[in-house]
């Protein structure tokens, strides 16, 4: 997963991807959900520009 900070209280998820050998095992979803957990624990906002992240959040 790649992200970019957009100020001190928001980050943008640009891309979420996993190696082909790990496709379909839920790793992409785990990455996105860990970012959600991080945001909640640190009072941050997420702007999901990545289509996968957008549908997962």
N, C-alpha and C. Protein backbone atom coordinates (compact mmCIF):
# COMPACT_ATOMS: atom_id res chain seq x y z
N UNK A 1 0.85 -1.16 0.00
CA UNK A 1 0.00 0.00 0.00
C UNK A 1 0.89 1.23 0.00
N UNK A 2 0.53 2.19 -0.84
CA UNK A 2 1.24 3.46 -0.83
C UNK A 2 0.29 4.55 -0.37
N UNK A 3 0.86 5.51 0.33
CA UNK A 3 0.06 6.61 0.84
C UNK A 3 0.88 7.89 0.81
N UNK A 4 0.20 9.00 0.91
CA UNK A 4 0.82 10.32 0.95
C UNK A 4 0.15 11.12 2.05
N UNK A 5 0.94 11.80 2.85
CA UNK A 5 0.37 12.67 3.87
C UNK A 5 -0.21 13.92 3.21
N UNK A 6 -1.38 14.31 3.67
CA UNK A 6 -2.05 15.52 3.19
C UNK A 6 -2.26 16.42 4.42
N UNK A 7 -1.20 17.01 4.89
CA UNK A 7 -1.25 17.78 6.12
C UNK A 7 -0.92 16.90 7.31
N UNK A 8 -1.21 17.39 8.49
CA UNK A 8 -0.87 16.66 9.72
C UNK A 8 -1.95 15.70 10.18
N UNK A 9 -3.16 15.83 9.64
CA UNK A 9 -4.25 15.02 10.16
C UNK A 9 -4.96 14.17 9.11
N UNK A 10 -4.37 14.03 7.93
CA UNK A 10 -5.01 13.24 6.87
C UNK A 10 -3.95 12.60 6.00
N UNK A 11 -4.24 11.37 5.56
CA UNK A 11 -3.38 10.75 4.55
C UNK A 11 -4.23 10.16 3.44
N UNK A 12 -3.62 10.09 2.28
CA UNK A 12 -4.29 9.60 1.07
C UNK A 12 -3.74 8.22 0.74
N UNK A 13 -4.63 7.25 0.60
CA UNK A 13 -4.20 5.93 0.13
C UNK A 13 -4.22 5.98 -1.39
N UNK A 14 -3.04 5.89 -1.99
CA UNK A 14 -2.89 5.99 -3.44
C UNK A 14 -3.06 4.65 -4.16
N UNK A 15 -2.54 3.60 -3.55
CA UNK A 15 -2.51 2.30 -4.22
C UNK A 15 -2.43 1.19 -3.18
N UNK A 16 -3.15 0.12 -3.43
CA UNK A 16 -3.05 -1.08 -2.61
C UNK A 16 -2.83 -2.25 -3.56
N UNK A 17 -1.82 -3.03 -3.30
CA UNK A 17 -1.55 -4.17 -4.16
C UNK A 17 -0.75 -5.23 -3.43
N UNK A 18 -0.86 -6.45 -3.89
CA UNK A 18 -0.07 -7.55 -3.34
C UNK A 18 0.54 -8.33 -4.50
N UNK A 19 1.60 -9.02 -4.22
CA UNK A 19 2.24 -9.89 -5.22
C UNK A 19 1.22 -10.92 -5.70
N UNK A 20 1.33 -11.32 -6.93
CA UNK A 20 0.37 -12.26 -7.53
C UNK A 20 0.24 -13.54 -6.71
N UNK A 21 1.32 -14.02 -6.16
CA UNK A 21 1.29 -15.27 -5.39
C UNK A 21 0.44 -15.16 -4.12
N UNK A 22 0.18 -13.93 -3.67
CA UNK A 22 -0.63 -13.72 -2.48
C UNK A 22 -2.04 -13.24 -2.80
N UNK A 23 -2.36 -13.11 -4.08
CA UNK A 23 -3.66 -12.64 -4.52
C UNK A 23 -4.79 -13.56 -4.01
N UNK A 24 -5.88 -12.94 -3.60
CA UNK A 24 -7.05 -13.69 -3.16
C UNK A 24 -6.97 -14.23 -1.75
N UNK A 25 -5.96 -13.83 -0.98
CA UNK A 25 -5.79 -14.34 0.38
C UNK A 25 -6.14 -13.31 1.45
N UNK A 26 -6.64 -12.17 1.02
CA UNK A 26 -7.10 -11.16 1.97
C UNK A 26 -6.04 -10.21 2.48
N UNK A 27 -4.84 -10.27 1.91
CA UNK A 27 -3.76 -9.41 2.40
C UNK A 27 -4.00 -7.93 2.09
N UNK A 28 -4.57 -7.64 0.93
CA UNK A 28 -4.88 -6.26 0.59
C UNK A 28 -5.87 -5.65 1.58
N UNK A 29 -6.89 -6.40 1.89
CA UNK A 29 -7.90 -5.95 2.87
C UNK A 29 -7.27 -5.73 4.23
N UNK A 30 -6.36 -6.63 4.64
CA UNK A 30 -5.68 -6.47 5.92
C UNK A 30 -4.85 -5.19 5.95
N UNK A 31 -4.17 -4.88 4.85
CA UNK A 31 -3.39 -3.64 4.78
C UNK A 31 -4.29 -2.42 4.97
N UNK A 32 -5.40 -2.41 4.26
CA UNK A 32 -6.32 -1.28 4.35
C UNK A 32 -6.90 -1.17 5.76
N UNK A 33 -7.31 -2.28 6.34
CA UNK A 33 -7.92 -2.23 7.67
C UNK A 33 -6.91 -1.82 8.74
N UNK A 34 -5.65 -2.16 8.57
CA UNK A 34 -4.61 -1.69 9.51
C UNK A 34 -4.44 -0.18 9.40
N UNK A 35 -4.58 0.35 8.19
CA UNK A 35 -4.48 1.80 8.04
C UNK A 35 -5.68 2.48 8.70
N UNK A 36 -6.85 1.87 8.62
CA UNK A 36 -8.04 2.40 9.29
C UNK A 36 -7.83 2.38 10.81
N UNK A 37 -7.31 1.29 11.32
CA UNK A 37 -7.02 1.18 12.75
C UNK A 37 -6.02 2.27 13.18
N UNK A 38 -4.97 2.46 12.39
CA UNK A 38 -3.98 3.49 12.68
C UNK A 38 -4.63 4.87 12.70
N UNK A 39 -5.47 5.14 11.71
CA UNK A 39 -6.14 6.44 11.64
C UNK A 39 -7.03 6.66 12.86
N UNK A 40 -7.79 5.66 13.24
CA UNK A 40 -8.68 5.80 14.41
C UNK A 40 -7.87 6.03 15.68
N UNK A 41 -6.80 5.29 15.85
CA UNK A 41 -5.98 5.40 17.06
C UNK A 41 -5.25 6.73 17.16
N UNK A 42 -5.07 7.41 16.03
CA UNK A 42 -4.32 8.65 16.00
C UNK A 42 -5.15 9.86 15.58
N UNK A 43 -6.48 9.69 15.60
CA UNK A 43 -7.41 10.76 15.26
C UNK A 43 -7.07 11.40 13.90
N UNK A 44 -6.93 10.54 12.89
CA UNK A 44 -6.58 10.96 11.54
C UNK A 44 -7.72 10.65 10.58
N UNK A 45 -7.73 11.31 9.46
CA UNK A 45 -8.69 11.05 8.39
C UNK A 45 -7.96 10.36 7.24
N UNK A 46 -8.70 9.58 6.47
CA UNK A 46 -8.17 8.89 5.30
C UNK A 46 -8.95 9.33 4.08
N UNK A 47 -8.23 9.64 3.01
CA UNK A 47 -8.85 9.90 1.72
C UNK A 47 -8.44 8.74 0.81
N UNK A 48 -9.36 7.79 0.57
CA UNK A 48 -9.01 6.60 -0.22
C UNK A 48 -9.17 6.85 -1.73
N UNK A 49 -8.11 7.21 -2.41
CA UNK A 49 -8.17 7.40 -3.87
C UNK A 49 -8.02 6.07 -4.60
N UNK A 50 -7.38 5.12 -3.97
CA UNK A 50 -7.23 3.78 -4.54
C UNK A 50 -8.61 3.12 -4.60
N UNK A 51 -9.04 2.61 -5.75
CA UNK A 51 -10.36 1.97 -5.86
C UNK A 51 -10.54 0.81 -4.88
N UNK A 52 -9.50 0.02 -4.67
CA UNK A 52 -9.61 -1.11 -3.73
C UNK A 52 -9.83 -0.61 -2.31
N UNK A 53 -9.06 0.39 -1.90
CA UNK A 53 -9.22 0.95 -0.56
C UNK A 53 -10.58 1.58 -0.40
N UNK A 54 -11.03 2.27 -1.43
CA UNK A 54 -12.33 2.95 -1.39
C UNK A 54 -13.45 1.95 -1.13
N UNK A 55 -13.42 0.82 -1.80
CA UNK A 55 -14.50 -0.17 -1.60
C UNK A 55 -14.33 -0.97 -0.32
N UNK A 56 -13.11 -0.98 0.24
CA UNK A 56 -12.85 -1.75 1.45
C UNK A 56 -13.17 -0.99 2.73
N UNK A 57 -13.16 0.34 2.64
CA UNK A 57 -13.35 1.14 3.86
C UNK A 57 -14.82 1.33 4.14
